[in-house]
Amino acid sequence: MLLIRLIYILSPLIALLAGIYSYKYLDKKLKLLFYYAIVGFCTEFLIWFSLKLGVKNNTPGLHFYIMFEFLIWAAFYTSCLKGFIHKKYMLIVTITFIVYCIINTLFIQELKSYPHTRMIEDLLIIFFAILLYAKIMIEAKIENLFRSPLIWINTAVLLYFAGNFFHNVVFVYMLVVDQAFLKTTAIYIFGLFNFLYYCGIAAGFLLHRKSISSK
């Protein structure tokens, strides 16, 4: 488990370092992702530290992290989808989801139980990512897709949250059926998605820096 824990800690660190290197070139929406990478790194470090102290259940914190994460991505996609999806619709979706998360935490699920809101978050962000691809294709303003920061970040988001959705379905199912399989297989698979996710964000930072500095 040491290897997978290192992967989980180092993955956001990659995006964090790329963000520090590129910070003065980042626009507002990319700075949001930089702060997200900081929180991601701190969260993974705290999980590792709590495991060292013998704390085995970190799910109470996940209930609150989901709300923070969704707010970050909702703000990011609201900015990216400007002129394509009206801001009020994004705001309605965001507020509705956050309210549901609060209700779920207070009245439906216990803090120690794995939050079902995670799967809803996955589906919503996947939908945002698909909408951004639709906007990019309809507008056709990006000349080189491979060098586009948005393409790298959006692809990383789509892969991560699609993989995360699958992981969560397996996670909930395997908690009942086979915990040994969960610990040895599913966690390592998700670790790979986590690594690719933060690498995509890091690539977005670096490509944006390059595009701005070359002008």
N, C-alpha and C. Protein backbone atom coordinates (compact mmCIF):
# COMPACT_ATOMS: atom_id res chain seq x y z
N MET A 1 0.82 -1.22 0.00
CA MET A 1 0.00 0.00 0.00
C MET A 1 0.85 1.27 0.00
N LEU A 2 2.14 1.13 0.33
CA LEU A 2 3.02 2.30 0.35
C LEU A 2 3.15 2.91 -1.04
N LEU A 3 3.28 2.05 -2.06
CA LEU A 3 3.42 2.53 -3.44
C LEU A 3 2.20 3.33 -3.87
N ILE A 4 1.02 2.79 -3.63
CA ILE A 4 -0.19 3.49 -4.06
C ILE A 4 -0.38 4.79 -3.30
N ARG A 5 0.01 4.82 -2.02
CA ARG A 5 -0.11 6.05 -1.26
C ARG A 5 0.84 7.12 -1.79
N LEU A 6 2.05 6.70 -2.21
CA LEU A 6 3.00 7.63 -2.81
C LEU A 6 2.45 8.20 -4.12
N ILE A 7 1.81 7.34 -4.91
CA ILE A 7 1.22 7.79 -6.17
C ILE A 7 0.14 8.84 -5.91
N TYR A 8 -0.68 8.59 -4.89
CA TYR A 8 -1.76 9.52 -4.56
C TYR A 8 -1.21 10.87 -4.09
N ILE A 9 -0.08 10.85 -3.39
CA ILE A 9 0.51 12.10 -2.89
C ILE A 9 1.26 12.84 -3.99
N LEU A 10 2.02 12.10 -4.80
CA LEU A 10 2.84 12.71 -5.84
C LEU A 10 2.02 13.24 -7.01
N SER A 11 0.86 12.63 -7.27
CA SER A 11 0.04 13.06 -8.42
C SER A 11 -0.36 14.52 -8.32
N PRO A 12 -1.00 14.98 -7.23
CA PRO A 12 -1.32 16.41 -7.15
C PRO A 12 -0.08 17.29 -7.03
N LEU A 13 1.02 16.72 -6.52
CA LEU A 13 2.26 17.49 -6.41
C LEU A 13 2.78 17.88 -7.79
N ILE A 14 2.60 17.01 -8.78
CA ILE A 14 3.01 17.32 -10.15
C ILE A 14 2.27 18.55 -10.66
N ALA A 15 0.94 18.55 -10.46
CA ALA A 15 0.14 19.71 -10.89
C ALA A 15 0.49 20.94 -10.09
N LEU A 16 0.76 20.76 -8.81
CA LEU A 16 1.11 21.88 -7.93
C LEU A 16 2.41 22.55 -8.39
N LEU A 17 3.42 21.76 -8.68
CA LEU A 17 4.71 22.31 -9.13
C LEU A 17 4.58 22.99 -10.49
N ALA A 18 3.81 22.38 -11.39
CA ALA A 18 3.59 23.00 -12.70
C ALA A 18 2.83 24.32 -12.53
N GLY A 19 1.91 24.35 -11.57
CA GLY A 19 1.15 25.57 -11.30
C GLY A 19 2.01 26.67 -10.73
N ILE A 20 2.92 26.32 -9.83
CA ILE A 20 3.85 27.30 -9.26
C ILE A 20 4.73 27.90 -10.36
N TYR A 21 5.24 27.03 -11.22
CA TYR A 21 6.11 27.45 -12.32
C TYR A 21 5.37 28.38 -13.30
N SER A 22 4.07 28.13 -13.47
CA SER A 22 3.29 28.86 -14.48
C SER A 22 2.38 29.92 -13.88
N TYR A 23 2.42 30.11 -12.56
CA TYR A 23 1.37 30.87 -11.88
C TYR A 23 1.11 32.26 -12.45
N LYS A 24 2.17 33.03 -12.71
CA LYS A 24 1.97 34.41 -13.15
C LYS A 24 1.35 34.50 -14.55
N TYR A 25 1.32 33.38 -15.27
CA TYR A 25 0.72 33.36 -16.61
C TYR A 25 -0.72 32.83 -16.59
N LEU A 26 -1.15 32.30 -15.47
CA LEU A 26 -2.47 31.66 -15.41
C LEU A 26 -3.59 32.69 -15.34
N ASP A 27 -4.70 32.39 -16.02
CA ASP A 27 -5.87 33.25 -15.90
C ASP A 27 -6.68 32.81 -14.67
N LYS A 28 -7.82 33.45 -14.45
CA LYS A 28 -8.59 33.21 -13.22
C LYS A 28 -9.06 31.76 -13.10
N LYS A 29 -9.55 31.20 -14.18
CA LYS A 29 -10.08 29.85 -14.10
C LYS A 29 -8.98 28.81 -13.88
N LEU A 30 -7.79 29.07 -14.42
CA LEU A 30 -6.68 28.14 -14.20
C LEU A 30 -6.09 28.31 -12.80
N LYS A 31 -6.16 29.52 -12.26
CA LYS A 31 -5.72 29.72 -10.88
C LYS A 31 -6.61 28.95 -9.91
N LEU A 32 -7.89 28.84 -10.24
CA LEU A 32 -8.80 28.01 -9.44
C LEU A 32 -8.30 26.57 -9.38
N LEU A 33 -7.85 26.06 -10.52
CA LEU A 33 -7.34 24.68 -10.56
C LEU A 33 -6.01 24.56 -9.80
N PHE A 34 -5.23 25.63 -9.80
CA PHE A 34 -4.00 25.63 -9.02
C PHE A 34 -4.31 25.50 -7.53
N TYR A 35 -5.29 26.27 -7.05
CA TYR A 35 -5.68 26.18 -5.64
C TYR A 35 -6.26 24.79 -5.34
N TYR A 36 -6.96 24.26 -6.32
CA TYR A 36 -7.51 22.90 -6.20
C TYR A 36 -6.39 21.87 -6.03
N ALA A 37 -5.30 22.05 -6.80
CA ALA A 37 -4.15 21.15 -6.69
C ALA A 37 -3.50 21.26 -5.31
N ILE A 38 -3.46 22.47 -4.76
CA ILE A 38 -2.91 22.66 -3.42
C ILE A 38 -3.72 21.88 -2.39
N VAL A 39 -5.04 22.03 -2.47
CA VAL A 39 -5.93 21.32 -1.53
C VAL A 39 -5.82 19.81 -1.74
N GLY A 40 -5.72 19.40 -3.02
CA GLY A 40 -5.59 17.97 -3.31
C GLY A 40 -4.34 17.38 -2.70
N PHE A 41 -3.22 18.10 -2.82
CA PHE A 41 -1.97 17.62 -2.25
C PHE A 41 -2.05 17.57 -0.72
N CYS A 42 -2.58 18.62 -0.12
CA CYS A 42 -2.70 18.67 1.34
C CYS A 42 -3.63 17.56 1.85
N THR A 43 -4.70 17.31 1.10
CA THR A 43 -5.65 16.27 1.49
C THR A 43 -5.00 14.89 1.47
N GLU A 44 -4.28 14.60 0.39
CA GLU A 44 -3.62 13.30 0.28
C GLU A 44 -2.55 13.14 1.37
N PHE A 45 -1.85 14.21 1.67
CA PHE A 45 -0.83 14.14 2.72
C PHE A 45 -1.48 13.89 4.08
N LEU A 46 -2.62 14.55 4.34
CA LEU A 46 -3.32 14.36 5.61
C LEU A 46 -3.88 12.95 5.73
N ILE A 47 -4.35 12.40 4.61
CA ILE A 47 -4.83 11.02 4.62
C ILE A 47 -3.70 10.07 4.98
N TRP A 48 -2.54 10.29 4.34
CA TRP A 48 -1.36 9.45 4.64
C TRP A 48 -0.97 9.59 6.11
N PHE A 49 -0.97 10.82 6.61
CA PHE A 49 -0.59 11.06 8.01
C PHE A 49 -1.59 10.42 8.97
N SER A 50 -2.89 10.52 8.65
CA SER A 50 -3.91 9.93 9.52
C SER A 50 -3.81 8.41 9.53
N LEU A 51 -3.44 7.83 8.40
CA LEU A 51 -3.25 6.37 8.35
C LEU A 51 -2.09 5.96 9.24
N LYS A 52 -1.04 6.79 9.26
CA LYS A 52 0.09 6.53 10.14
C LYS A 52 -0.32 6.57 11.61
N LEU A 53 -1.32 7.40 11.91
CA LEU A 53 -1.80 7.52 13.29
C LEU A 53 -2.84 6.45 13.64
N GLY A 54 -3.18 5.64 12.64
CA GLY A 54 -4.12 4.55 12.90
C GLY A 54 -5.56 4.86 12.54
N VAL A 55 -5.81 6.02 11.93
CA VAL A 55 -7.17 6.37 11.50
C VAL A 55 -7.43 5.69 10.16
N LYS A 56 -8.40 4.78 10.12
CA LYS A 56 -8.63 3.99 8.92
C LYS A 56 -9.82 4.47 8.09
N ASN A 57 -10.67 5.29 8.67
CA ASN A 57 -11.86 5.75 7.96
C ASN A 57 -11.78 7.25 7.70
N ASN A 58 -11.51 7.60 6.43
CA ASN A 58 -11.41 9.00 6.06
C ASN A 58 -12.66 9.50 5.34
N THR A 59 -13.70 8.67 5.29
CA THR A 59 -14.90 9.05 4.54
C THR A 59 -15.63 10.27 5.10
N PRO A 60 -15.58 10.57 6.42
CA PRO A 60 -16.26 11.80 6.87
C PRO A 60 -15.77 13.04 6.13
N GLY A 61 -14.46 13.14 5.91
CA GLY A 61 -13.92 14.29 5.20
C GLY A 61 -14.32 14.31 3.73
N LEU A 62 -14.56 13.12 3.16
CA LEU A 62 -14.93 13.04 1.74
C LEU A 62 -16.26 13.73 1.47
N HIS A 63 -17.18 13.67 2.41
CA HIS A 63 -18.48 14.32 2.25
C HIS A 63 -18.30 15.82 1.97
N PHE A 64 -17.34 16.44 2.64
CA PHE A 64 -17.10 17.88 2.48
C PHE A 64 -16.19 18.17 1.28
N TYR A 65 -15.24 17.26 1.02
CA TYR A 65 -14.34 17.44 -0.11
C TYR A 65 -15.10 17.43 -1.43
N ILE A 66 -16.13 16.58 -1.52
CA ILE A 66 -16.94 16.48 -2.74
C ILE A 66 -17.57 17.83 -3.06
N MET A 67 -18.08 18.51 -2.04
CA MET A 67 -18.70 19.81 -2.26
C MET A 67 -17.67 20.84 -2.73
N PHE A 68 -16.50 20.84 -2.10
CA PHE A 68 -15.43 21.75 -2.50
C PHE A 68 -15.00 21.46 -3.94
N GLU A 69 -14.78 20.21 -4.26
CA GLU A 69 -14.32 19.83 -5.59
C GLU A 69 -15.34 20.22 -6.66
N PHE A 70 -16.60 19.97 -6.38
CA PHE A 70 -17.64 20.30 -7.36
C PHE A 70 -17.73 21.81 -7.58
N LEU A 71 -17.61 22.58 -6.52
CA LEU A 71 -17.65 24.03 -6.66
C LEU A 71 -16.53 24.55 -7.55
N ILE A 72 -15.33 23.97 -7.38
CA ILE A 72 -14.19 24.36 -8.20
C ILE A 72 -14.45 24.08 -9.68
N TRP A 73 -14.89 22.84 -9.97
CA TRP A 73 -15.11 22.47 -11.37
C TRP A 73 -16.32 23.16 -11.97
N ALA A 74 -17.34 23.40 -11.14
CA ALA A 74 -18.51 24.13 -11.63
C ALA A 74 -18.12 25.56 -12.03
N ALA A 75 -17.29 26.21 -11.20
CA ALA A 75 -16.82 27.56 -11.51
C ALA A 75 -15.95 27.55 -12.77
N PHE A 76 -15.10 26.54 -12.90
CA PHE A 76 -14.23 26.41 -14.07
C PHE A 76 -15.05 26.26 -15.35
N TYR A 77 -16.01 25.35 -15.32
CA TYR A 77 -16.81 25.11 -16.53
C TYR A 77 -17.80 26.23 -16.81
N THR A 78 -18.26 26.92 -15.78
CA THR A 78 -19.12 28.08 -16.00
C THR A 78 -18.36 29.13 -16.81
N SER A 79 -17.08 29.32 -16.48
CA SER A 79 -16.24 30.25 -17.23
C SER A 79 -15.97 29.76 -18.64
N CYS A 80 -15.65 28.47 -18.77
CA CYS A 80 -15.32 27.90 -20.08
C CYS A 80 -16.52 27.86 -21.03
N LEU A 81 -17.70 27.67 -20.48
CA LEU A 81 -18.92 27.51 -21.29
C LEU A 81 -19.66 28.83 -21.50
N LYS A 82 -19.05 29.92 -21.09
CA LYS A 82 -19.67 31.24 -21.26
C LYS A 82 -19.99 31.49 -22.73
N GLY A 83 -21.22 31.92 -22.98
CA GLY A 83 -21.65 32.15 -24.35
C GLY A 83 -22.21 30.91 -25.02
N PHE A 84 -22.10 29.78 -24.37
CA PHE A 84 -22.61 28.51 -24.91
C PHE A 84 -23.73 27.96 -24.03
N ILE A 85 -23.51 27.98 -22.72
CA ILE A 85 -24.52 27.62 -21.73
C ILE A 85 -24.70 28.81 -20.80
N HIS A 86 -25.92 29.24 -20.62
CA HIS A 86 -26.16 30.42 -19.79
C HIS A 86 -25.72 30.16 -18.35
N LYS A 87 -25.12 31.18 -17.79
CA LYS A 87 -24.57 31.09 -16.43
C LYS A 87 -25.62 30.66 -15.40
N LYS A 88 -26.87 31.09 -15.59
CA LYS A 88 -27.91 30.79 -14.60
C LYS A 88 -28.19 29.29 -14.51
N TYR A 89 -28.07 28.58 -15.63
CA TYR A 89 -28.30 27.14 -15.61
C TYR A 89 -27.20 26.41 -14.84
N MET A 90 -25.97 26.87 -15.05
CA MET A 90 -24.85 26.30 -14.30
C MET A 90 -25.02 26.58 -12.81
N LEU A 91 -25.49 27.77 -12.49
CA LEU A 91 -25.69 28.16 -11.09
C LEU A 91 -26.79 27.32 -10.45
N ILE A 92 -27.86 27.07 -11.18
CA ILE A 92 -28.95 26.24 -10.66
C ILE A 92 -28.47 24.83 -10.35
N VAL A 93 -27.71 24.26 -11.28
CA VAL A 93 -27.18 22.90 -11.09
C VAL A 93 -26.24 22.86 -9.88
N THR A 94 -25.39 23.87 -9.78
CA THR A 94 -24.42 23.92 -8.68
C THR A 94 -25.11 24.02 -7.33
N ILE A 95 -26.03 24.96 -7.21
CA ILE A 95 -26.73 25.16 -5.94
C ILE A 95 -27.54 23.92 -5.56
N THR A 96 -28.22 23.34 -6.55
CA THR A 96 -29.04 22.14 -6.30
C THR A 96 -28.18 21.00 -5.77
N PHE A 97 -27.03 20.80 -6.40
CA PHE A 97 -26.15 19.70 -5.97
C PHE A 97 -25.60 19.95 -4.57
N ILE A 98 -25.15 21.15 -4.30
CA ILE A 98 -24.58 21.47 -2.98
C ILE A 98 -25.64 21.32 -1.88
N VAL A 99 -26.87 21.79 -2.16
CA VAL A 99 -27.95 21.64 -1.19
C VAL A 99 -28.24 20.17 -0.93
N TYR A 100 -28.24 19.37 -2.01
CA TYR A 100 -28.47 17.94 -1.83
C TYR A 100 -27.36 17.30 -1.00
N CYS A 101 -26.12 17.72 -1.24
CA CYS A 101 -24.98 17.20 -0.46
C CYS A 101 -25.17 17.49 1.03
N ILE A 102 -25.60 18.71 1.33
CA ILE A 102 -25.80 19.10 2.73
C ILE A 102 -26.93 18.28 3.35
N ILE A 103 -28.04 18.12 2.61
CA ILE A 103 -29.16 17.32 3.10
C ILE A 103 -28.74 15.87 3.30
N ASN A 104 -27.97 15.35 2.35
CA ASN A 104 -27.50 13.97 2.44
C ASN A 104 -26.62 13.76 3.67
N THR A 105 -25.75 14.72 3.92
CA THR A 105 -24.84 14.62 5.07
C THR A 105 -25.57 14.74 6.40
N LEU A 106 -26.57 15.61 6.44
CA LEU A 106 -27.26 15.86 7.71
C LEU A 106 -28.36 14.85 8.02
N PHE A 107 -29.06 14.37 6.98
CA PHE A 107 -30.26 13.59 7.25
C PHE A 107 -30.32 12.20 6.61
N ILE A 108 -29.52 11.95 5.58
CA ILE A 108 -29.65 10.68 4.85
C ILE A 108 -28.55 9.69 5.20
N GLN A 109 -27.31 10.08 4.96
CA GLN A 109 -26.18 9.19 5.22
C GLN A 109 -25.39 9.62 6.45
N GLU A 110 -24.82 8.65 7.14
CA GLU A 110 -23.91 8.97 8.23
C GLU A 110 -22.57 9.40 7.64
N LEU A 111 -21.84 10.20 8.39
CA LEU A 111 -20.54 10.68 7.92
C LEU A 111 -19.55 9.55 7.65
N LYS A 112 -19.70 8.45 8.39
CA LYS A 112 -18.76 7.34 8.24
C LYS A 112 -19.08 6.44 7.05
N SER A 113 -20.21 6.66 6.41
CA SER A 113 -20.58 5.85 5.25
C SER A 113 -20.12 6.53 3.97
N TYR A 114 -19.80 5.74 2.96
CA TYR A 114 -19.29 6.28 1.70
C TYR A 114 -20.39 7.10 1.02
N PRO A 115 -20.13 8.38 0.68
CA PRO A 115 -21.17 9.26 0.14
C PRO A 115 -21.62 8.90 -1.27
N HIS A 116 -22.91 8.69 -1.44
CA HIS A 116 -23.47 8.41 -2.77
C HIS A 116 -23.42 9.65 -3.66
N THR A 117 -23.24 10.80 -3.04
CA THR A 117 -23.15 12.04 -3.82
C THR A 117 -21.93 12.04 -4.75
N ARG A 118 -20.97 11.18 -4.46
CA ARG A 118 -19.76 11.09 -5.29
C ARG A 118 -20.11 10.70 -6.72
N MET A 119 -21.01 9.73 -6.86
CA MET A 119 -21.38 9.27 -8.20
C MET A 119 -22.19 10.32 -8.95
N ILE A 120 -23.03 11.07 -8.23
CA ILE A 120 -23.78 12.16 -8.86
C ILE A 120 -22.82 13.25 -9.34
N GLU A 121 -21.84 13.56 -8.50
CA GLU A 121 -20.81 14.54 -8.89
C GLU A 121 -20.10 14.10 -10.16
N ASP A 122 -19.71 12.82 -10.21
CA ASP A 122 -19.03 12.28 -11.39
C ASP A 122 -19.84 12.52 -12.66
N LEU A 123 -21.12 12.19 -12.61
CA LEU A 123 -21.99 12.30 -13.79
C LEU A 123 -22.16 13.75 -14.22
N LEU A 124 -22.29 14.65 -13.26
CA LEU A 124 -22.46 16.07 -13.58
C LEU A 124 -21.22 16.64 -14.24
N ILE A 125 -20.05 16.31 -13.70
CA ILE A 125 -18.81 16.86 -14.27
C ILE A 125 -18.51 16.23 -15.63
N ILE A 126 -18.84 14.96 -15.80
CA ILE A 126 -18.72 14.33 -17.12
C ILE A 126 -19.59 15.08 -18.13
N PHE A 127 -20.79 15.45 -17.71
CA PHE A 127 -21.70 16.21 -18.58
C PHE A 127 -21.10 17.57 -18.93
N PHE A 128 -20.51 18.25 -17.95
CA PHE A 128 -19.85 19.54 -18.21
C PHE A 128 -18.73 19.37 -19.24
N ALA A 129 -17.94 18.32 -19.07
CA ALA A 129 -16.81 18.08 -19.98
C ALA A 129 -17.29 17.82 -21.41
N ILE A 130 -18.38 17.08 -21.53
CA ILE A 130 -18.94 16.81 -22.86
C ILE A 130 -19.46 18.10 -23.49
N LEU A 131 -20.10 18.94 -22.69
CA LEU A 131 -20.57 20.24 -23.19
C LEU A 131 -19.42 21.10 -23.69
N LEU A 132 -18.29 21.06 -22.99
CA LEU A 132 -17.15 21.86 -23.42
C LEU A 132 -16.59 21.34 -24.75
N TYR A 133 -16.55 20.02 -24.92
CA TYR A 133 -16.14 19.46 -26.20
C TYR A 133 -17.08 19.92 -27.31
N ALA A 134 -18.38 19.94 -27.02
CA ALA A 134 -19.36 20.38 -28.02
C ALA A 134 -19.12 21.83 -28.40
N LYS A 135 -18.85 22.68 -27.41
CA LYS A 135 -18.58 24.09 -27.68
C LYS A 135 -17.33 24.26 -28.54
N ILE A 136 -16.28 23.51 -28.18
CA ILE A 136 -15.02 23.60 -28.93
C ILE A 136 -15.22 23.19 -30.39
N MET A 137 -15.99 22.13 -30.63
CA MET A 137 -16.21 21.64 -31.99
C MET A 137 -17.10 22.59 -32.79
N ILE A 138 -18.12 23.15 -32.14
CA ILE A 138 -19.03 24.06 -32.84
C ILE A 138 -18.33 25.37 -33.19
N GLU A 139 -17.56 25.92 -32.25
CA GLU A 139 -16.89 27.19 -32.50
C GLU A 139 -15.68 27.04 -33.41
N ALA A 140 -14.99 25.90 -33.30
CA ALA A 140 -13.82 25.59 -34.16
C ALA A 140 -12.78 26.71 -34.15
N LYS A 141 -12.49 27.24 -32.97
CA LYS A 141 -11.52 28.33 -32.85
C LYS A 141 -10.11 27.84 -32.53
N ILE A 142 -9.97 26.61 -32.08
CA ILE A 142 -8.66 26.08 -31.69
C ILE A 142 -7.99 25.46 -32.90
N GLU A 143 -6.86 26.02 -33.29
CA GLU A 143 -6.16 25.55 -34.48
C GLU A 143 -5.43 24.23 -34.24
N ASN A 144 -4.75 24.13 -33.10
CA ASN A 144 -3.99 22.92 -32.79
C ASN A 144 -4.53 22.34 -31.47
N LEU A 145 -5.34 21.31 -31.57
CA LEU A 145 -5.97 20.72 -30.39
C LEU A 145 -4.93 20.15 -29.42
N PHE A 146 -3.85 19.60 -29.97
CA PHE A 146 -2.83 18.95 -29.14
C PHE A 146 -2.13 19.96 -28.24
N ARG A 147 -2.07 21.22 -28.66
CA ARG A 147 -1.39 22.25 -27.88
C ARG A 147 -2.35 23.11 -27.05
N SER A 148 -3.60 22.73 -27.03
CA SER A 148 -4.61 23.51 -26.31
C SER A 148 -4.67 23.09 -24.83
N PRO A 149 -4.45 24.02 -23.90
CA PRO A 149 -4.55 23.70 -22.47
C PRO A 149 -5.93 23.16 -22.10
N LEU A 150 -6.99 23.74 -22.68
CA LEU A 150 -8.34 23.30 -22.38
C LEU A 150 -8.59 21.86 -22.79
N ILE A 151 -8.05 21.45 -23.92
CA ILE A 151 -8.22 20.08 -24.40
C ILE A 151 -7.57 19.10 -23.43
N TRP A 152 -6.36 19.41 -23.01
CA TRP A 152 -5.64 18.53 -22.08
C TRP A 152 -6.38 18.42 -20.74
N ILE A 153 -6.80 19.56 -20.23
CA ILE A 153 -7.49 19.56 -18.94
C ILE A 153 -8.85 18.86 -19.05
N ASN A 154 -9.60 19.19 -20.09
CA ASN A 154 -10.93 18.60 -20.25
C ASN A 154 -10.87 17.10 -20.48
N THR A 155 -9.86 16.65 -21.24
CA THR A 155 -9.69 15.22 -21.47
C THR A 155 -9.34 14.51 -20.16
N ALA A 156 -8.46 15.13 -19.39
CA ALA A 156 -8.08 14.56 -18.09
C ALA A 156 -9.30 14.46 -17.17
N VAL A 157 -10.12 15.50 -17.18
CA VAL A 157 -11.33 15.53 -16.35
C VAL A 157 -12.30 14.43 -16.77
N LEU A 158 -12.52 14.31 -18.08
CA LEU A 158 -13.46 13.31 -18.58
C LEU A 158 -13.00 11.89 -18.23
N LEU A 159 -11.72 11.60 -18.45
CA LEU A 159 -11.18 10.28 -18.13
C LEU A 159 -11.25 10.00 -16.64
N TYR A 160 -10.89 11.00 -15.85
CA TYR A 160 -10.84 10.82 -14.40
C TYR A 160 -12.22 10.56 -13.81
N PHE A 161 -13.17 11.42 -14.15
CA PHE A 161 -14.49 11.28 -13.52
C PHE A 161 -15.28 10.10 -14.09
N ALA A 162 -15.00 9.72 -15.35
CA ALA A 162 -15.60 8.49 -15.88
C ALA A 162 -15.01 7.29 -15.16
N GLY A 163 -13.69 7.30 -14.99
CA GLY A 163 -13.03 6.23 -14.24
C GLY A 163 -13.46 6.23 -12.79
N ASN A 164 -13.63 7.44 -12.24
CA ASN A 164 -14.06 7.58 -10.86
C ASN A 164 -15.47 7.01 -10.65
N PHE A 165 -16.34 7.26 -11.63
CA PHE A 165 -17.70 6.72 -11.54
C PHE A 165 -17.66 5.19 -11.52
N PHE A 166 -16.88 4.62 -12.42
CA PHE A 166 -16.75 3.16 -12.45
C PHE A 166 -16.16 2.65 -11.14
N HIS A 167 -15.13 3.36 -10.64
CA HIS A 167 -14.50 2.97 -9.39
C HIS A 167 -15.49 3.01 -8.23
N ASN A 168 -16.32 4.04 -8.20
CA ASN A 168 -17.28 4.17 -7.11
C ASN A 168 -18.34 3.09 -7.14
N VAL A 169 -18.78 2.73 -8.35
CA VAL A 169 -19.74 1.63 -8.48
C VAL A 169 -19.11 0.34 -7.97
N VAL A 170 -17.87 0.09 -8.40
CA VAL A 170 -17.15 -1.10 -7.95
C VAL A 170 -16.89 -1.04 -6.45
N PHE A 171 -16.52 0.16 -5.98
CA PHE A 171 -16.20 0.35 -4.56
C PHE A 171 -17.39 -0.03 -3.67
N VAL A 172 -18.54 0.53 -3.98
CA VAL A 172 -19.73 0.27 -3.18
C VAL A 172 -20.12 -1.20 -3.25
N TYR A 173 -20.03 -1.78 -4.45
CA TYR A 173 -20.39 -3.19 -4.63
C TYR A 173 -19.41 -4.11 -3.92
N MET A 174 -18.12 -3.82 -4.07
CA MET A 174 -17.10 -4.70 -3.50
C MET A 174 -16.99 -4.58 -1.99
N LEU A 175 -17.45 -3.48 -1.42
CA LEU A 175 -17.47 -3.37 0.03
C LEU A 175 -18.33 -4.47 0.65
N VAL A 176 -19.32 -4.90 -0.12
CA VAL A 176 -20.23 -5.94 0.35
C VAL A 176 -19.74 -7.32 -0.07
N VAL A 177 -19.22 -7.41 -1.28
CA VAL A 177 -18.90 -8.72 -1.86
C VAL A 177 -17.49 -9.20 -1.55
N ASP A 178 -16.48 -8.38 -1.84
CA ASP A 178 -15.10 -8.87 -1.74
C ASP A 178 -14.17 -7.70 -1.43
N GLN A 179 -13.90 -7.44 -0.18
CA GLN A 179 -13.04 -6.33 0.22
C GLN A 179 -11.59 -6.56 -0.18
N ALA A 180 -11.17 -7.81 -0.23
CA ALA A 180 -9.79 -8.11 -0.62
C ALA A 180 -9.52 -7.68 -2.05
N PHE A 181 -10.48 -7.95 -2.95
CA PHE A 181 -10.33 -7.53 -4.35
C PHE A 181 -10.27 -6.01 -4.44
N LEU A 182 -11.12 -5.36 -3.65
CA LEU A 182 -11.14 -3.90 -3.65
C LEU A 182 -9.78 -3.33 -3.31
N LYS A 183 -9.15 -3.85 -2.26
CA LYS A 183 -7.89 -3.31 -1.78
C LYS A 183 -6.74 -3.58 -2.74
N THR A 184 -6.79 -4.71 -3.46
CA THR A 184 -5.65 -5.10 -4.29
C THR A 184 -5.77 -4.67 -5.74
N THR A 185 -6.98 -4.41 -6.21
CA THR A 185 -7.17 -4.12 -7.63
C THR A 185 -7.78 -2.75 -7.89
N ALA A 186 -8.97 -2.50 -7.37
CA ALA A 186 -9.70 -1.28 -7.69
C ALA A 186 -8.93 -0.03 -7.28
N ILE A 187 -8.29 -0.06 -6.12
CA ILE A 187 -7.56 1.12 -5.63
C ILE A 187 -6.37 1.43 -6.53
N TYR A 188 -5.70 0.40 -7.05
CA TYR A 188 -4.56 0.63 -7.94
C TYR A 188 -5.02 1.19 -9.28
N ILE A 189 -6.14 0.70 -9.78
CA ILE A 189 -6.68 1.21 -11.04
C ILE A 189 -7.04 2.69 -10.90
N PHE A 190 -7.70 3.03 -9.80
CA PHE A 190 -8.07 4.42 -9.59
C PHE A 190 -6.83 5.29 -9.38
N GLY A 191 -5.79 4.71 -8.77
CA GLY A 191 -4.54 5.44 -8.61
C GLY A 191 -3.97 5.88 -9.94
N LEU A 192 -4.09 5.01 -10.96
CA LEU A 192 -3.63 5.34 -12.30
C LEU A 192 -4.44 6.50 -12.88
N PHE A 193 -5.77 6.44 -12.73
CA PHE A 193 -6.62 7.53 -13.21
C PHE A 193 -6.28 8.83 -12.49
N ASN A 194 -6.00 8.73 -11.21
CA ASN A 194 -5.66 9.91 -10.41
C ASN A 194 -4.37 10.56 -10.92
N PHE A 195 -3.39 9.71 -11.25
CA PHE A 195 -2.11 10.19 -11.77
C PHE A 195 -2.30 10.90 -13.12
N LEU A 196 -3.05 10.27 -14.03
CA LEU A 196 -3.29 10.86 -15.35
C LEU A 196 -4.08 12.17 -15.24
N TYR A 197 -4.97 12.21 -14.28
CA TYR A 197 -5.81 13.40 -14.03
C TYR A 197 -4.95 14.61 -13.71
N TYR A 198 -4.08 14.46 -12.74
CA TYR A 198 -3.25 15.60 -12.34
C TYR A 198 -2.18 15.91 -13.38
N CYS A 199 -1.73 14.90 -14.11
CA CYS A 199 -0.78 15.16 -15.21
C CYS A 199 -1.44 16.00 -16.30
N GLY A 200 -2.73 15.73 -16.56
CA GLY A 200 -3.46 16.52 -17.55
C GLY A 200 -3.61 17.96 -17.12
N ILE A 201 -3.88 18.18 -15.83
CA ILE A 201 -3.98 19.54 -15.30
C ILE A 201 -2.62 20.24 -15.39
N ALA A 202 -1.56 19.51 -15.03
CA ALA A 202 -0.20 20.06 -15.11
C ALA A 202 0.15 20.45 -16.55
N ALA A 203 -0.21 19.59 -17.49
CA ALA A 203 0.04 19.87 -18.91
C ALA A 203 -0.71 21.13 -19.34
N GLY A 204 -1.92 21.29 -18.84
CA GLY A 204 -2.70 22.50 -19.15
C GLY A 204 -2.01 23.75 -18.65
N PHE A 205 -1.48 23.70 -17.43
CA PHE A 205 -0.74 24.85 -16.87
C PHE A 205 0.45 25.20 -17.75
N LEU A 206 1.24 24.20 -18.09
CA LEU A 206 2.48 24.43 -18.84
C LEU A 206 2.20 24.92 -20.26
N LEU A 207 1.17 24.35 -20.89
CA LEU A 207 0.83 24.78 -22.24
C LEU A 207 0.29 26.21 -22.25
N HIS A 208 -0.46 26.56 -21.23
CA HIS A 208 -0.97 27.93 -21.14
C HIS A 208 0.17 28.90 -20.93
N ARG A 209 1.12 28.52 -20.07
CA ARG A 209 2.30 29.37 -19.85
C ARG A 209 3.06 29.58 -21.15
N LYS A 210 3.24 28.49 -21.91
CA LYS A 210 3.98 28.57 -23.15
C LYS A 210 3.28 29.45 -24.16
N SER A 211 1.94 29.32 -24.25
CA SER A 211 1.19 30.11 -25.23
C SER A 211 1.21 31.60 -24.89
N ILE A 212 1.18 31.93 -23.60
CA ILE A 212 1.19 33.35 -23.18
C ILE A 212 2.58 33.95 -23.32
N SER A 213 3.60 33.20 -22.89
CA SER A 213 4.97 33.72 -22.91
C SER A 213 5.52 33.88 -24.34
N SER A 214 4.95 33.12 -25.27
CA SER A 214 5.45 33.21 -26.65
C SER A 214 4.82 34.36 -27.42
N LYS A 215 3.81 35.00 -26.84
CA LYS A 215 3.17 36.12 -27.53
C LYS A 215 3.95 37.43 -27.34
